[in-house]
Amino acid sequence: MESTTGIPVVTPATGEVVAGPWPCYSNCRHLPERDRWEVYGMAKAARGALEDRGVVMAEAYHDFIARITRELNL
């Protein structure tokens, strides 16, 4: 794939793995359920934005979802 903007294209196969620490969402458990779902959506969006920029996560997506739903008690 070639970039037309001059910005290097990073594919998951060549992307750099960046170590955490990643946010822990347990401190949001006290929030009402509706607010916890909002935090869940923001967490997914934040991860997606990083991946769109070429960041390769060490934590698999399904593990990420399992962790944040567990931490948010959803």
N, C-alpha and C. Protein backbone atom coordinates (compact mmCIF):
# COMPACT_ATOMS: atom_id res chain seq x y z
N MET A 1 0.85 -1.17 0.00
CA MET A 1 0.00 0.00 0.00
C MET A 1 0.89 1.23 0.00
N GLU A 2 0.53 2.24 -0.76
CA GLU A 2 1.32 3.46 -0.87
C GLU A 2 0.52 4.63 -0.35
N SER A 3 1.19 5.50 0.41
CA SER A 3 0.53 6.68 0.94
C SER A 3 0.56 7.80 -0.08
N THR A 4 -0.54 8.49 -0.22
CA THR A 4 -0.58 9.66 -1.11
C THR A 4 -0.35 10.95 -0.34
N THR A 5 -0.22 10.85 0.98
CA THR A 5 -0.04 12.04 1.81
C THR A 5 1.40 12.22 2.24
N GLY A 6 2.25 11.26 1.95
CA GLY A 6 3.64 11.34 2.40
C GLY A 6 3.83 10.75 3.79
N ILE A 7 2.75 10.37 4.44
CA ILE A 7 2.83 9.75 5.76
C ILE A 7 3.02 8.26 5.55
N PRO A 8 4.03 7.66 6.21
CA PRO A 8 4.25 6.23 6.02
C PRO A 8 3.03 5.41 6.40
N VAL A 9 2.75 4.40 5.62
CA VAL A 9 1.64 3.50 5.91
C VAL A 9 2.16 2.39 6.80
N VAL A 10 1.48 2.16 7.91
CA VAL A 10 1.88 1.12 8.84
C VAL A 10 0.81 0.04 8.80
N THR A 11 1.20 -1.17 8.50
CA THR A 11 0.27 -2.29 8.50
C THR A 11 0.46 -3.06 9.80
N PRO A 12 -0.55 -3.79 10.26
CA PRO A 12 -0.41 -4.55 11.49
C PRO A 12 0.79 -5.49 11.49
N ALA A 13 1.16 -6.00 10.34
CA ALA A 13 2.30 -6.92 10.27
C ALA A 13 3.62 -6.22 10.55
N THR A 14 3.67 -4.91 10.31
CA THR A 14 4.92 -4.19 10.50
C THR A 14 4.83 -3.17 11.62
N GLY A 15 3.67 -3.03 12.24
CA GLY A 15 3.50 -2.04 13.29
C GLY A 15 4.26 -2.41 14.54
N GLU A 16 4.61 -1.38 15.30
CA GLU A 16 5.34 -1.58 16.54
C GLU A 16 4.36 -1.91 17.66
N VAL A 17 4.70 -2.89 18.47
CA VAL A 17 3.87 -3.23 19.62
C VAL A 17 4.25 -2.30 20.76
N VAL A 18 3.28 -1.61 21.29
CA VAL A 18 3.52 -0.65 22.36
C VAL A 18 2.99 -1.23 23.66
N ALA A 19 3.82 -1.23 24.68
CA ALA A 19 3.40 -1.76 25.98
C ALA A 19 2.58 -0.70 26.72
N GLY A 20 1.73 -1.16 27.64
CA GLY A 20 0.88 -0.28 28.42
C GLY A 20 1.67 0.65 29.31
N PRO A 21 1.21 1.09 30.42
CA PRO A 21 -0.01 0.58 31.04
C PRO A 21 -1.25 1.15 30.37
N TRP A 22 -2.24 0.30 30.23
CA TRP A 22 -3.51 0.73 29.67
C TRP A 22 -4.45 1.03 30.81
N PRO A 23 -5.45 1.86 30.56
CA PRO A 23 -6.37 2.23 31.64
C PRO A 23 -7.06 1.03 32.27
N CYS A 24 -7.27 1.14 33.56
CA CYS A 24 -8.07 0.17 34.30
C CYS A 24 -9.42 0.85 34.55
N TYR A 25 -10.47 0.18 34.19
CA TYR A 25 -11.80 0.79 34.26
C TYR A 25 -12.54 0.42 35.55
N SER A 26 -11.90 -0.30 36.46
CA SER A 26 -12.55 -0.71 37.71
C SER A 26 -12.99 0.48 38.55
N ASN A 27 -12.27 1.59 38.42
CA ASN A 27 -12.63 2.76 39.23
C ASN A 27 -13.94 3.41 38.77
N CYS A 28 -14.55 2.89 37.72
CA CYS A 28 -15.83 3.42 37.23
C CYS A 28 -17.01 2.54 37.64
N ARG A 29 -16.75 1.49 38.40
CA ARG A 29 -17.82 0.55 38.78
C ARG A 29 -18.93 1.21 39.60
N HIS A 30 -18.60 2.28 40.30
CA HIS A 30 -19.59 2.95 41.15
C HIS A 30 -20.60 3.76 40.34
N LEU A 31 -20.30 4.00 39.08
CA LEU A 31 -21.19 4.81 38.24
C LEU A 31 -22.47 4.06 37.91
N PRO A 32 -23.54 4.79 37.61
CA PRO A 32 -24.76 4.13 37.16
C PRO A 32 -24.48 3.34 35.88
N GLU A 33 -25.28 2.30 35.64
CA GLU A 33 -25.04 1.42 34.50
C GLU A 33 -24.98 2.18 33.17
N ARG A 34 -25.86 3.14 33.00
CA ARG A 34 -25.85 3.91 31.74
C ARG A 34 -24.49 4.59 31.53
N ASP A 35 -23.94 5.16 32.59
CA ASP A 35 -22.64 5.82 32.49
C ASP A 35 -21.52 4.82 32.22
N ARG A 36 -21.63 3.63 32.81
CA ARG A 36 -20.61 2.60 32.56
C ARG A 36 -20.64 2.16 31.10
N TRP A 37 -21.83 2.08 30.50
CA TRP A 37 -21.91 1.75 29.07
C TRP A 37 -21.27 2.87 28.24
N GLU A 38 -21.41 4.10 28.69
CA GLU A 38 -20.76 5.23 28.00
C GLU A 38 -19.24 5.09 28.06
N VAL A 39 -18.72 4.74 29.23
CA VAL A 39 -17.27 4.52 29.38
C VAL A 39 -16.82 3.37 28.49
N TYR A 40 -17.62 2.32 28.42
CA TYR A 40 -17.33 1.17 27.54
C TYR A 40 -17.18 1.63 26.09
N GLY A 41 -18.13 2.44 25.64
CA GLY A 41 -18.07 2.95 24.27
C GLY A 41 -16.85 3.82 24.03
N MET A 42 -16.50 4.65 25.01
CA MET A 42 -15.32 5.50 24.87
C MET A 42 -14.04 4.68 24.84
N ALA A 43 -14.00 3.61 25.64
CA ALA A 43 -12.81 2.74 25.65
C ALA A 43 -12.62 2.08 24.29
N LYS A 44 -13.71 1.59 23.72
CA LYS A 44 -13.63 0.97 22.39
C LYS A 44 -13.20 1.99 21.34
N ALA A 45 -13.74 3.20 21.42
CA ALA A 45 -13.39 4.24 20.45
C ALA A 45 -11.92 4.63 20.58
N ALA A 46 -11.43 4.73 21.82
CA ALA A 46 -10.03 5.09 22.03
C ALA A 46 -9.10 4.03 21.46
N ARG A 47 -9.43 2.77 21.69
CA ARG A 47 -8.61 1.70 21.13
C ARG A 47 -8.66 1.74 19.61
N GLY A 48 -9.83 1.93 19.05
CA GLY A 48 -9.97 2.00 17.60
C GLY A 48 -9.15 3.13 17.01
N ALA A 49 -9.13 4.28 17.68
CA ALA A 49 -8.36 5.43 17.19
C ALA A 49 -6.87 5.11 17.19
N LEU A 50 -6.39 4.43 18.23
CA LEU A 50 -4.98 4.05 18.27
C LEU A 50 -4.65 3.07 17.16
N GLU A 51 -5.52 2.09 16.96
CA GLU A 51 -5.28 1.10 15.91
C GLU A 51 -5.32 1.76 14.53
N ASP A 52 -6.18 2.74 14.35
CA ASP A 52 -6.25 3.46 13.08
C ASP A 52 -4.96 4.23 12.80
N ARG A 53 -4.25 4.61 13.86
CA ARG A 53 -2.97 5.31 13.71
C ARG A 53 -1.80 4.35 13.55
N GLY A 54 -2.09 3.05 13.56
CA GLY A 54 -1.04 2.07 13.33
C GLY A 54 -0.50 1.39 14.57
N VAL A 55 -1.08 1.71 15.73
CA VAL A 55 -0.63 1.07 16.97
C VAL A 55 -1.16 -0.36 16.99
N VAL A 56 -0.27 -1.31 17.24
CA VAL A 56 -0.66 -2.72 17.33
C VAL A 56 -0.74 -3.07 18.81
N MET A 57 -1.89 -3.53 19.23
CA MET A 57 -2.10 -3.85 20.64
C MET A 57 -1.62 -5.26 20.96
N ALA A 58 -0.97 -5.40 22.10
CA ALA A 58 -0.54 -6.72 22.55
C ALA A 58 -1.74 -7.52 23.05
N GLU A 59 -2.76 -6.84 23.56
CA GLU A 59 -3.97 -7.48 24.07
C GLU A 59 -4.93 -7.69 22.91
N ALA A 60 -5.31 -8.93 22.67
CA ALA A 60 -6.26 -9.23 21.59
C ALA A 60 -7.57 -8.49 21.84
N TYR A 61 -8.29 -8.17 20.76
CA TYR A 61 -9.52 -7.39 20.89
C TYR A 61 -10.54 -8.08 21.79
N HIS A 62 -10.74 -9.39 21.61
CA HIS A 62 -11.74 -10.09 22.44
C HIS A 62 -11.32 -10.11 23.91
N ASP A 63 -10.00 -10.14 24.18
CA ASP A 63 -9.52 -10.07 25.56
C ASP A 63 -9.75 -8.67 26.13
N PHE A 64 -9.56 -7.66 25.30
CA PHE A 64 -9.81 -6.27 25.70
C PHE A 64 -11.28 -6.09 26.08
N ILE A 65 -12.18 -6.58 25.24
CA ILE A 65 -13.62 -6.46 25.51
C ILE A 65 -13.98 -7.21 26.79
N ALA A 66 -13.45 -8.42 26.95
CA ALA A 66 -13.73 -9.20 28.17
C ALA A 66 -13.23 -8.46 29.41
N ARG A 67 -12.04 -7.85 29.31
CA ARG A 67 -11.47 -7.14 30.46
C ARG A 67 -12.29 -5.91 30.82
N ILE A 68 -12.64 -5.09 29.83
CA ILE A 68 -13.35 -3.86 30.21
C ILE A 68 -14.77 -4.15 30.68
N THR A 69 -15.42 -5.17 30.13
CA THR A 69 -16.76 -5.50 30.63
C THR A 69 -16.66 -6.05 32.05
N ARG A 70 -15.61 -6.82 32.34
CA ARG A 70 -15.41 -7.33 33.70
C ARG A 70 -15.10 -6.17 34.65
N GLU A 71 -14.20 -5.27 34.25
CA GLU A 71 -13.81 -4.16 35.11
C GLU A 71 -14.97 -3.19 35.35
N LEU A 72 -15.84 -3.03 34.36
CA LEU A 72 -16.99 -2.14 34.50
C LEU A 72 -18.21 -2.84 35.08
N ASN A 73 -18.08 -4.14 35.33
CA ASN A 73 -19.18 -4.94 35.87
C ASN A 73 -20.42 -4.84 34.97
N LEU A 74 -20.19 -5.07 33.67
CA LEU A 74 -21.29 -5.03 32.69
C LEU A 74 -21.64 -6.44 32.24
